[in-house]
Structures are given as C-alpha cells and as structure tokens.
mmCIF file of all heavy atoms, coordinates in Angstrom:
data_MODEL
# 
_entry.id   MODEL 
# 
loop_
_atom_site.group_PDB 
_atom_site.id 
_atom_site.type_symbol 
_atom_site.label_atom_id 
_atom_site.label_alt_id 
_atom_site.label_comp_id 
_atom_site.label_asym_id 
_atom_site.label_entity_id 
_atom_site.label_seq_id 
_atom_site.pdbx_PDB_ins_code 
_atom_site.Cartn_x 
_atom_site.Cartn_y 
_atom_site.Cartn_z 
_atom_site.occupancy 
_atom_site.B_iso_or_equiv 
_atom_site.pdbx_formal_charge 
_atom_site.auth_seq_id 
_atom_site.auth_comp_id 
_atom_site.auth_asym_id 
_atom_site.auth_atom_id 
_atom_site.pdbx_PDB_model_num 
ATOM 1   N N   . LEU A 1 1  ? -10.940 -11.175 11.585 1.00 0.00 ? 1  LEU A N   1 
ATOM 2   C CA  . LEU A 1 1  ? -9.872  -10.947 10.619 1.00 0.00 ? 1  LEU A CA  1 
ATOM 3   C C   . LEU A 1 1  ? -10.462 -11.000 9.211  1.00 0.00 ? 1  LEU A C   1 
ATOM 4   O O   . LEU A 1 1  ? -11.206 -11.913 8.875  1.00 0.00 ? 1  LEU A O   1 
ATOM 5   C CB  . LEU A 1 1  ? -8.803  -12.022 10.804 1.00 0.00 ? 1  LEU A CB  1 
ATOM 6   C CG  . LEU A 1 1  ? -7.380  -11.688 10.371 1.00 0.00 ? 1  LEU A CG  1 
ATOM 7   C CD1 . LEU A 1 1  ? -6.856  -10.488 11.150 1.00 0.00 ? 1  LEU A CD1 1 
ATOM 8   C CD2 . LEU A 1 1  ? -6.492  -12.900 10.575 1.00 0.00 ? 1  LEU A CD2 1 
ATOM 9   N N   . ALA A 1 2  ? -10.104 -10.015 8.385  1.00 0.00 ? 2  ALA A N   1 
ATOM 10  C CA  . ALA A 1 2  ? -10.652 -9.962  7.030  1.00 0.00 ? 2  ALA A CA  1 
ATOM 11  C C   . ALA A 1 2  ? -9.611  -9.412  6.063  1.00 0.00 ? 2  ALA A C   1 
ATOM 12  O O   . ALA A 1 2  ? -8.712  -8.663  6.444  1.00 0.00 ? 2  ALA A O   1 
ATOM 13  C CB  . ALA A 1 2  ? -11.904 -9.090  6.996  1.00 0.00 ? 2  ALA A CB  1 
ATOM 14  N N   . ARG A 1 3  ? -9.742  -9.803  4.800  1.00 0.00 ? 3  ARG A N   1 
ATOM 15  C CA  . ARG A 1 3  ? -8.887  -9.252  3.726  1.00 0.00 ? 3  ARG A CA  1 
ATOM 16  C C   . ARG A 1 3  ? -9.449  -7.909  3.326  1.00 0.00 ? 3  ARG A C   1 
ATOM 17  O O   . ARG A 1 3  ? -10.659 -7.768  3.090  1.00 0.00 ? 3  ARG A O   1 
ATOM 18  C CB  . ARG A 1 3  ? -8.872  -10.212 2.561  1.00 0.00 ? 3  ARG A CB  1 
ATOM 19  C CG  . ARG A 1 3  ? -8.207  -11.537 2.858  1.00 0.00 ? 3  ARG A CG  1 
ATOM 20  C CD  . ARG A 1 3  ? -8.676  -12.682 1.959  1.00 0.00 ? 3  ARG A CD  1 
ATOM 21  N NE  . ARG A 1 3  ? -8.400  -12.442 0.554  1.00 0.00 ? 3  ARG A NE  1 
ATOM 22  C CZ  . ARG A 1 3  ? -9.318  -12.393 -0.402 1.00 0.00 ? 3  ARG A CZ  1 
ATOM 23  N NH1 . ARG A 1 3  ? -10.596 -12.546 -0.085 1.00 0.00 ? 3  ARG A NH1 1 
ATOM 24  N NH2 . ARG A 1 3  ? -8.975  -12.221 -1.663 1.00 0.00 ? 3  ARG A NH2 1 
ATOM 25  N N   . ILE A 1 4  ? -8.603  -6.923  3.236  1.00 0.00 ? 4  ILE A N   1 
ATOM 26  C CA  . ILE A 1 4  ? -9.036  -5.579  2.862  1.00 0.00 ? 4  ILE A CA  1 
ATOM 27  C C   . ILE A 1 4  ? -9.257  -5.483  1.354  1.00 0.00 ? 4  ILE A C   1 
ATOM 28  O O   . ILE A 1 4  ? -8.766  -6.317  0.597  1.00 0.00 ? 4  ILE A O   1 
ATOM 29  C CB  . ILE A 1 4  ? -8.013  -4.513  3.290  1.00 0.00 ? 4  ILE A CB  1 
ATOM 30  C CG1 . ILE A 1 4  ? -6.637  -4.772  2.630  1.00 0.00 ? 4  ILE A CG1 1 
ATOM 31  C CG2 . ILE A 1 4  ? -7.873  -4.484  4.814  1.00 0.00 ? 4  ILE A CG2 1 
ATOM 32  C CD1 . ILE A 1 4  ? -5.620  -3.693  2.895  1.00 0.00 ? 4  ILE A CD1 1 
ATOM 33  N N   . GLY A 1 5  ? -10.035 -4.489  0.925  1.00 0.00 ? 5  GLY A N   1 
ATOM 34  C CA  . GLY A 1 5  ? -10.313 -4.315  -0.487 1.00 0.00 ? 5  GLY A CA  1 
ATOM 35  C C   . GLY A 1 5  ? -9.154  -3.642  -1.213 1.00 0.00 ? 5  GLY A C   1 
ATOM 36  O O   . GLY A 1 5  ? -8.178  -3.180  -0.612 1.00 0.00 ? 5  GLY A O   1 
ATOM 37  N N   . LYS A 1 6  ? -9.269  -3.572  -2.541 1.00 0.00 ? 6  LYS A N   1 
ATOM 38  C CA  . LYS A 1 6  ? -8.201  -3.018  -3.368 1.00 0.00 ? 6  LYS A CA  1 
ATOM 39  C C   . LYS A 1 6  ? -7.918  -1.552  -3.031 1.00 0.00 ? 6  LYS A C   1 
ATOM 40  O O   . LYS A 1 6  ? -6.767  -1.127  -3.021 1.00 0.00 ? 6  LYS A O   1 
ATOM 41  C CB  . LYS A 1 6  ? -8.571  -3.131  -4.839 1.00 0.00 ? 6  LYS A CB  1 
ATOM 42  C CG  . LYS A 1 6  ? -8.570  -4.553  -5.380 1.00 0.00 ? 6  LYS A CG  1 
ATOM 43  C CD  . LYS A 1 6  ? -8.988  -4.558  -6.850 1.00 0.00 ? 6  LYS A CD  1 
ATOM 44  C CE  . LYS A 1 6  ? -9.058  -5.968  -7.397 1.00 0.00 ? 6  LYS A CE  1 
ATOM 45  N NZ  . LYS A 1 6  ? -9.558  -5.998  -8.801 1.00 0.00 ? 6  LYS A NZ  1 
ATOM 46  N N   . ALA A 1 7  ? -8.953  -0.774  -2.754 1.00 0.00 ? 7  ALA A N   1 
ATOM 47  C CA  . ALA A 1 7  ? -8.734  0.654   -2.459 1.00 0.00 ? 7  ALA A CA  1 
ATOM 48  C C   . ALA A 1 7  ? -7.862  0.803   -1.212 1.00 0.00 ? 7  ALA A C   1 
ATOM 49  O O   . ALA A 1 7  ? -6.975  1.663   -1.168 1.00 0.00 ? 7  ALA A O   1 
ATOM 50  C CB  . ALA A 1 7  ? -10.070 1.370   -2.271 1.00 0.00 ? 7  ALA A CB  1 
ATOM 51  N N   . SER A 1 8  ? -8.093  -0.005  -0.206 1.00 0.00 ? 8  SER A N   1 
ATOM 52  C CA  . SER A 1 8  ? -7.304  0.068   1.009  1.00 0.00 ? 8  SER A CA  1 
ATOM 53  C C   . SER A 1 8  ? -5.861  -0.406  0.744  1.00 0.00 ? 8  SER A C   1 
ATOM 54  O O   . SER A 1 8  ? -4.901  0.136   1.301  1.00 0.00 ? 8  SER A O   1 
ATOM 55  C CB  . SER A 1 8  ? -7.927  -0.768  2.122  1.00 0.00 ? 8  SER A CB  1 
ATOM 56  O OG  . SER A 1 8  ? -9.138  -0.199  2.561  1.00 0.00 ? 8  SER A OG  1 
ATOM 57  N N   . CYS A 1 9  ? -5.725  -1.442  -0.106 1.00 0.00 ? 9  CYS A N   1 
ATOM 58  C CA  . CYS A 1 9  ? -4.373  -1.889  -0.479 1.00 0.00 ? 9  CYS A CA  1 
ATOM 59  C C   . CYS A 1 9  ? -3.595  -0.761  -1.150 1.00 0.00 ? 9  CYS A C   1 
ATOM 60  O O   . CYS A 1 9  ? -2.409  -0.543  -0.851 1.00 0.00 ? 9  CYS A O   1 
ATOM 61  C CB  . CYS A 1 9  ? -4.453  -3.085  -1.419 1.00 0.00 ? 9  CYS A CB  1 
ATOM 62  S SG  . CYS A 1 9  ? -5.127  -4.604  -0.695 1.00 0.00 ? 9  CYS A SG  1 
ATOM 63  N N   . GLU A 1 10 ? -4.262  -0.023  -2.047 1.00 0.00 ? 10 GLU A N   1 
ATOM 64  C CA  . GLU A 1 10 ? -3.593  1.067   -2.739 1.00 0.00 ? 10 GLU A CA  1 
ATOM 65  C C   . GLU A 1 10 ? -3.308  2.222   -1.789 1.00 0.00 ? 10 GLU A C   1 
ATOM 66  O O   . GLU A 1 10 ? -2.274  2.900   -1.900 1.00 0.00 ? 10 GLU A O   1 
ATOM 67  C CB  . GLU A 1 10 ? -4.465  1.563   -3.899 1.00 0.00 ? 10 GLU A CB  1 
ATOM 68  C CG  . GLU A 1 10 ? -4.689  0.518   -4.998 1.00 0.00 ? 10 GLU A CG  1 
ATOM 69  C CD  . GLU A 1 10 ? -3.390  0.067   -5.640 1.00 0.00 ? 10 GLU A CD  1 
ATOM 70  O OE1 . GLU A 1 10 ? -2.382  0.825   -5.599 1.00 0.00 ? 10 GLU A OE1 1 
ATOM 71  O OE2 . GLU A 1 10 ? -3.359  -1.033  -6.218 1.00 0.00 ? 10 GLU A OE2 1 
ATOM 72  N N   . GLN A 1 11 ? -4.203  2.446   -0.832 1.00 0.00 ? 11 GLN A N   1 
ATOM 73  C CA  . GLN A 1 11 ? -3.975  3.495   0.165  1.00 0.00 ? 11 GLN A CA  1 
ATOM 74  C C   . GLN A 1 11 ? -2.714  3.182   0.975  1.00 0.00 ? 11 GLN A C   1 
ATOM 75  O O   . GLN A 1 11 ? -1.891  4.043   1.240  1.00 0.00 ? 11 GLN A O   1 
ATOM 76  C CB  . GLN A 1 11 ? -5.190  3.575   1.083  1.00 0.00 ? 11 GLN A CB  1 
ATOM 77  C CG  . GLN A 1 11 ? -5.102  4.666   2.138  1.00 0.00 ? 11 GLN A CG  1 
ATOM 78  C CD  . GLN A 1 11 ? -5.890  5.887   1.773  1.00 0.00 ? 11 GLN A CD  1 
ATOM 79  O OE1 . GLN A 1 11 ? -6.376  6.018   0.666  1.00 0.00 ? 11 GLN A OE1 1 
ATOM 80  N NE2 . GLN A 1 11 ? -5.987  6.811   2.696  1.00 0.00 ? 11 GLN A NE2 1 
ATOM 81  N N   . ARG A 1 12 ? -2.587  1.919   1.375  1.00 0.00 ? 12 ARG A N   1 
ATOM 82  C CA  . ARG A 1 12 ? -1.399  1.526   2.136  1.00 0.00 ? 12 ARG A CA  1 
ATOM 83  C C   . ARG A 1 12 ? -0.136  1.676   1.284  1.00 0.00 ? 12 ARG A C   1 
ATOM 84  O O   . ARG A 1 12 ? 0.879   2.174   1.756  1.00 0.00 ? 12 ARG A O   1 
ATOM 85  C CB  . ARG A 1 12 ? -1.545  0.085   2.617  1.00 0.00 ? 12 ARG A CB  1 
ATOM 86  C CG  . ARG A 1 12 ? -2.621  -0.107  3.666  1.00 0.00 ? 12 ARG A CG  1 
ATOM 87  C CD  . ARG A 1 12 ? -2.716  -1.568  4.105  1.00 0.00 ? 12 ARG A CD  1 
ATOM 88  N NE  . ARG A 1 12 ? -3.700  -1.727  5.192  1.00 0.00 ? 12 ARG A NE  1 
ATOM 89  C CZ  . ARG A 1 12 ? -3.917  -2.857  5.856  1.00 0.00 ? 12 ARG A CZ  1 
ATOM 90  N NH1 . ARG A 1 12 ? -3.224  -3.934  5.535  1.00 0.00 ? 12 ARG A NH1 1 
ATOM 91  N NH2 . ARG A 1 12 ? -4.811  -2.907  6.836  1.00 0.00 ? 12 ARG A NH2 1 
ATOM 92  N N   . ALA A 1 13 ? -0.217  1.249   0.033  1.00 0.00 ? 13 ALA A N   1 
ATOM 93  C CA  . ALA A 1 13 ? 0.947   1.339   -0.852 1.00 0.00 ? 13 ALA A CA  1 
ATOM 94  C C   . ALA A 1 13 ? 1.395   2.778   -1.031 1.00 0.00 ? 13 ALA A C   1 
ATOM 95  O O   . ALA A 1 13 ? 2.605   3.055   -1.127 1.00 0.00 ? 13 ALA A O   1 
ATOM 96  C CB  . ALA A 1 13 ? 0.621   0.717   -2.216 1.00 0.00 ? 13 ALA A CB  1 
ATOM 97  N N   . GLY A 1 14 ? 0.456   3.714   -1.061 1.00 0.00 ? 14 GLY A N   1 
ATOM 98  C CA  . GLY A 1 14 ? 0.791   5.108   -1.274 1.00 0.00 ? 14 GLY A CA  1 
ATOM 99  C C   . GLY A 1 14 ? 1.698   5.695   -0.210 1.00 0.00 ? 14 GLY A C   1 
ATOM 100 O O   . GLY A 1 14 ? 2.357   6.714   -0.424 1.00 0.00 ? 14 GLY A O   1 
ATOM 101 N N   . ARG A 1 15 ? 1.749   5.059   0.959  1.00 0.00 ? 15 ARG A N   1 
ATOM 102 C CA  . ARG A 1 15 ? 2.600   5.555   2.034  1.00 0.00 ? 15 ARG A CA  1 
ATOM 103 C C   . ARG A 1 15 ? 4.079   5.414   1.692  1.00 0.00 ? 15 ARG A C   1 
ATOM 104 O O   . ARG A 1 15 ? 4.932   6.062   2.302  1.00 0.00 ? 15 ARG A O   1 
ATOM 105 C CB  . ARG A 1 15 ? 2.305   4.797   3.329  1.00 0.00 ? 15 ARG A CB  1 
ATOM 106 C CG  . ARG A 1 15 ? 0.920   5.057   3.913  1.00 0.00 ? 15 ARG A CG  1 
ATOM 107 C CD  . ARG A 1 15 ? 0.725   6.522   4.173  1.00 0.00 ? 15 ARG A CD  1 
ATOM 108 N NE  . ARG A 1 15 ? -0.527  6.804   4.849  1.00 0.00 ? 15 ARG A NE  1 
ATOM 109 C CZ  . ARG A 1 15 ? -0.932  8.024   5.176  1.00 0.00 ? 15 ARG A CZ  1 
ATOM 110 N NH1 . ARG A 1 15 ? -0.166  9.050   4.849  1.00 0.00 ? 15 ARG A NH1 1 
ATOM 111 N NH2 . ARG A 1 15 ? -2.085  8.241   5.781  1.00 0.00 ? 15 ARG A NH2 1 
ATOM 112 N N   . ALA A 1 16 ? 4.414   4.578   0.709  1.00 0.00 ? 16 ALA A N   1 
ATOM 113 C CA  . ALA A 1 16 ? 5.819   4.349   0.358  1.00 0.00 ? 16 ALA A CA  1 
ATOM 114 C C   . ALA A 1 16 ? 6.330   5.326   -0.692 1.00 0.00 ? 16 ALA A C   1 
ATOM 115 O O   . ALA A 1 16 ? 7.530   5.365   -0.950 1.00 0.00 ? 16 ALA A O   1 
ATOM 116 C CB  . ALA A 1 16 ? 6.016   2.925   -0.150 1.00 0.00 ? 16 ALA A CB  1 
ATOM 117 N N   . GLY A 1 17 ? 5.446   6.114   -1.315 1.00 0.00 ? 17 GLY A N   1 
ATOM 118 C CA  . GLY A 1 17 ? 5.875   6.967   -2.409 1.00 0.00 ? 17 GLY A CA  1 
ATOM 119 C C   . GLY A 1 17 ? 5.630   8.440   -2.183 1.00 0.00 ? 17 GLY A C   1 
ATOM 120 O O   . GLY A 1 17 ? 5.399   9.174   -3.128 1.00 0.00 ? 17 GLY A O   1 
ATOM 121 N N   . ARG A 1 18 ? 5.713   8.880   -0.949 1.00 0.00 ? 18 ARG A N   1 
ATOM 122 C CA  . ARG A 1 18 ? 5.405   10.271  -0.658 1.00 0.00 ? 18 ARG A CA  1 
ATOM 123 C C   . ARG A 1 18 ? 6.570   11.225  -0.905 1.00 0.00 ? 18 ARG A C   1 
ATOM 124 O O   . ARG A 1 18 ? 6.397   12.327  -1.399 1.00 0.00 ? 18 ARG A O   1 
ATOM 125 C CB  . ARG A 1 18 ? 4.960   10.419  0.809  1.00 0.00 ? 18 ARG A CB  1 
ATOM 126 C CG  . ARG A 1 18 ? 3.581   9.857   1.092  1.00 0.00 ? 18 ARG A CG  1 
ATOM 127 C CD  . ARG A 1 18 ? 3.114   10.292  2.462  1.00 0.00 ? 18 ARG A CD  1 
ATOM 128 N NE  . ARG A 1 18 ? 3.144   11.732  2.577  1.00 0.00 ? 18 ARG A NE  1 
ATOM 129 C CZ  . ARG A 1 18 ? 3.939   12.417  3.425  1.00 0.00 ? 18 ARG A CZ  1 
ATOM 130 N NH1 . ARG A 1 18 ? 4.769   11.764  4.201  1.00 0.00 ? 18 ARG A NH1 1 
ATOM 131 N NH2 . ARG A 1 18 ? 3.906   13.730  3.474  1.00 0.00 ? 18 ARG A NH2 1 
ATOM 132 N N   . THR A 1 19 ? 7.791   10.812  -0.526 1.00 0.00 ? 19 THR A N   1 
ATOM 133 C CA  . THR A 1 19 ? 8.923   11.726  -0.625 1.00 0.00 ? 19 THR A CA  1 
ATOM 134 C C   . THR A 1 19 ? 9.976   11.292  -1.653 1.00 0.00 ? 19 THR A C   1 
ATOM 135 O O   . THR A 1 19 ? 10.849  12.054  -2.001 1.00 0.00 ? 19 THR A O   1 
ATOM 136 C CB  . THR A 1 19 ? 9.607   11.861  0.741  1.00 0.00 ? 19 THR A CB  1 
ATOM 137 O OG1 . THR A 1 19 ? 9.996   10.558  1.204  1.00 0.00 ? 19 THR A OG1 1 
ATOM 138 C CG2 . THR A 1 19 ? 8.641   12.471  1.754  1.00 0.00 ? 19 THR A CG2 1 
ATOM 139 N N   . ALA A 1 20 ? 9.877   10.051  -2.123 1.00 0.00 ? 20 ALA A N   1 
ATOM 140 C CA  . ALA A 1 20 ? 10.819  9.512   -3.096 1.00 0.00 ? 20 ALA A CA  1 
ATOM 141 C C   . ALA A 1 20 ? 10.253  8.207   -3.628 1.00 0.00 ? 20 ALA A C   1 
ATOM 142 O O   . ALA A 1 20 ? 9.274   7.680   -3.089 1.00 0.00 ? 20 ALA A O   1 
ATOM 143 C CB  . ALA A 1 20 ? 12.185  9.278   -2.442 1.00 0.00 ? 20 ALA A CB  1 
ATOM 144 N N   . PRO A 1 21 ? 10.816  7.691   -4.722 1.00 0.00 ? 21 PRO A N   1 
ATOM 145 C CA  . PRO A 1 21 ? 10.340  6.373   -5.170 1.00 0.00 ? 21 PRO A CA  1 
ATOM 146 C C   . PRO A 1 21 ? 10.421  5.334   -4.069 1.00 0.00 ? 21 PRO A C   1 
ATOM 147 O O   . PRO A 1 21 ? 11.387  5.309   -3.285 1.00 0.00 ? 21 PRO A O   1 
ATOM 148 C CB  . PRO A 1 21 ? 11.311  6.053   -6.327 1.00 0.00 ? 21 PRO A CB  1 
ATOM 149 C CG  . PRO A 1 21 ? 11.758  7.382   -6.831 1.00 0.00 ? 21 PRO A CG  1 
ATOM 150 C CD  . PRO A 1 21 ? 11.835  8.251   -5.618 1.00 0.00 ? 21 PRO A CD  1 
ATOM 151 N N   . GLY A 1 22 ? 9.409   4.493   -3.991 1.00 0.00 ? 22 GLY A N   1 
ATOM 152 C CA  . GLY A 1 22 ? 9.319   3.533   -2.884 1.00 0.00 ? 22 GLY A CA  1 
ATOM 153 C C   . GLY A 1 22 ? 9.076   2.108   -3.349 1.00 0.00 ? 22 GLY A C   1 
ATOM 154 O O   . GLY A 1 22 ? 9.015   1.828   -4.556 1.00 0.00 ? 22 GLY A O   1 
ATOM 155 N N   . ARG A 1 23 ? 8.934   1.256   -2.391 1.00 0.00 ? 23 ARG A N   1 
ATOM 156 C CA  . ARG A 1 23 ? 8.791   -0.174  -2.643 1.00 0.00 ? 23 ARG A CA  1 
ATOM 157 C C   . ARG A 1 23 ? 7.693   -0.733  -1.751 1.00 0.00 ? 23 ARG A C   1 
ATOM 158 O O   . ARG A 1 23 ? 7.592   -0.367  -0.573 1.00 0.00 ? 23 ARG A O   1 
ATOM 159 C CB  . ARG A 1 23 ? 10.124  -0.861  -2.339 1.00 0.00 ? 23 ARG A CB  1 
ATOM 160 C CG  . ARG A 1 23 ? 10.121  -2.354  -2.510 1.00 0.00 ? 23 ARG A CG  1 
ATOM 161 C CD  . ARG A 1 23 ? 11.490  -2.899  -2.129 1.00 0.00 ? 23 ARG A CD  1 
ATOM 162 N NE  . ARG A 1 23 ? 11.558  -4.340  -2.224 1.00 0.00 ? 23 ARG A NE  1 
ATOM 163 C CZ  . ARG A 1 23 ? 12.577  -5.074  -1.775 1.00 0.00 ? 23 ARG A CZ  1 
ATOM 164 N NH1 . ARG A 1 23 ? 13.614  -4.489  -1.215 1.00 0.00 ? 23 ARG A NH1 1 
ATOM 165 N NH2 . ARG A 1 23 ? 12.576  -6.387  -1.906 1.00 0.00 ? 23 ARG A NH2 1 
ATOM 166 N N   . VAL A 1 24 ? 6.874   -1.622  -2.305 1.00 0.00 ? 24 VAL A N   1 
ATOM 167 C CA  . VAL A 1 24 ? 5.799   -2.267  -1.547 1.00 0.00 ? 24 VAL A CA  1 
ATOM 168 C C   . VAL A 1 24 ? 5.940   -3.779  -1.694 1.00 0.00 ? 24 VAL A C   1 
ATOM 169 O O   . VAL A 1 24 ? 6.060   -4.282  -2.806 1.00 0.00 ? 24 VAL A O   1 
ATOM 170 C CB  . VAL A 1 24 ? 4.405   -1.812  -2.059 1.00 0.00 ? 24 VAL A CB  1 
ATOM 171 C CG1 . VAL A 1 24 ? 3.301   -2.538  -1.299 1.00 0.00 ? 24 VAL A CG1 1 
ATOM 172 C CG2 . VAL A 1 24 ? 4.256   -0.308  -1.896 1.00 0.00 ? 24 VAL A CG2 1 
ATOM 173 N N   . ILE A 1 25 ? 5.911   -4.461  -0.579 1.00 0.00 ? 25 ILE A N   1 
ATOM 174 C CA  . ILE A 1 25 ? 5.924   -5.919  -0.568 1.00 0.00 ? 25 ILE A CA  1 
ATOM 175 C C   . ILE A 1 25 ? 4.584   -6.362  0.006  1.00 0.00 ? 25 ILE A C   1 
ATOM 176 O O   . ILE A 1 25 ? 4.262   -6.109  1.166  1.00 0.00 ? 25 ILE A O   1 
ATOM 177 C CB  . ILE A 1 25 ? 7.074   -6.489  0.284  1.00 0.00 ? 25 ILE A CB  1 
ATOM 178 C CG1 . ILE A 1 25 ? 8.414   -6.022  -0.266 1.00 0.00 ? 25 ILE A CG1 1 
ATOM 179 C CG2 . ILE A 1 25 ? 6.997   -8.016  0.336  1.00 0.00 ? 25 ILE A CG2 1 
ATOM 180 C CD1 . ILE A 1 25 ? 9.592   -6.457  0.593  1.00 0.00 ? 25 ILE A CD1 1 
ATOM 181 N N   . ARG A 1 26 ? 3.785   -6.998  -0.825 1.00 0.00 ? 26 ARG A N   1 
ATOM 182 C CA  . ARG A 1 26 ? 2.495   -7.527  -0.377 1.00 0.00 ? 26 ARG A CA  1 
ATOM 183 C C   . ARG A 1 26 ? 2.673   -8.995  -0.010 1.00 0.00 ? 26 ARG A C   1 
ATOM 184 O O   . ARG A 1 26 ? 3.184   -9.772  -0.831 1.00 0.00 ? 26 ARG A O   1 
ATOM 185 C CB  . ARG A 1 26 ? 1.432   -7.347  -1.467 1.00 0.00 ? 26 ARG A CB  1 
ATOM 186 C CG  . ARG A 1 26 ? 1.047   -5.866  -1.653 1.00 0.00 ? 26 ARG A CG  1 
ATOM 187 C CD  . ARG A 1 26 ? 0.114   -5.620  -2.803 1.00 0.00 ? 26 ARG A CD  1 
ATOM 188 N NE  . ARG A 1 26 ? -0.359  -4.228  -2.790 1.00 0.00 ? 26 ARG A NE  1 
ATOM 189 C CZ  . ARG A 1 26 ? -0.856  -3.580  -3.816 1.00 0.00 ? 26 ARG A CZ  1 
ATOM 190 N NH1 . ARG A 1 26 ? -0.967  -4.206  -4.982 1.00 0.00 ? 26 ARG A NH1 1 
ATOM 191 N NH2 . ARG A 1 26 ? -1.244  -2.325  -3.710 1.00 0.00 ? 26 ARG A NH2 1 
ATOM 192 N N   . LEU A 1 27 ? 2.264   -9.338  1.192  1.00 0.00 ? 27 LEU A N   1 
ATOM 193 C CA  . LEU A 1 27 ? 2.492   -10.693 1.695  1.00 0.00 ? 27 LEU A CA  1 
ATOM 194 C C   . LEU A 1 27 ? 1.400   -11.640 1.246  1.00 0.00 ? 27 LEU A C   1 
ATOM 195 O O   . LEU A 1 27 ? 0.877   -12.459 2.019  1.00 0.00 ? 27 LEU A O   1 
ATOM 196 C CB  . LEU A 1 27 ? 2.584   -10.663 3.228  1.00 0.00 ? 27 LEU A CB  1 
ATOM 197 C CG  . LEU A 1 27 ? 3.688   -9.789  3.808  1.00 0.00 ? 27 LEU A CG  1 
ATOM 198 C CD1 . LEU A 1 27 ? 3.661   -9.842  5.326  1.00 0.00 ? 27 LEU A CD1 1 
ATOM 199 C CD2 . LEU A 1 27 ? 5.049   -10.230 3.285  1.00 0.00 ? 27 LEU A CD2 1 
# 
C-alpha cells in the first residue's frame, strides 16, 4: 500500500469534471 503522487491525484480528480462542474473529496 502506498500514497500516490500529485499527478495521479490530479488525474483522478479530472474524472469529476468531464461533462459538467464536479466535486472531489480527498480522504
């Protein structure tokens, strides 16, 4: 188990803003 880097965090966040404004909750 490892913490992902910032680029991967941003890649994941981008999935919420493809078709309309979105929301990201980072745990």
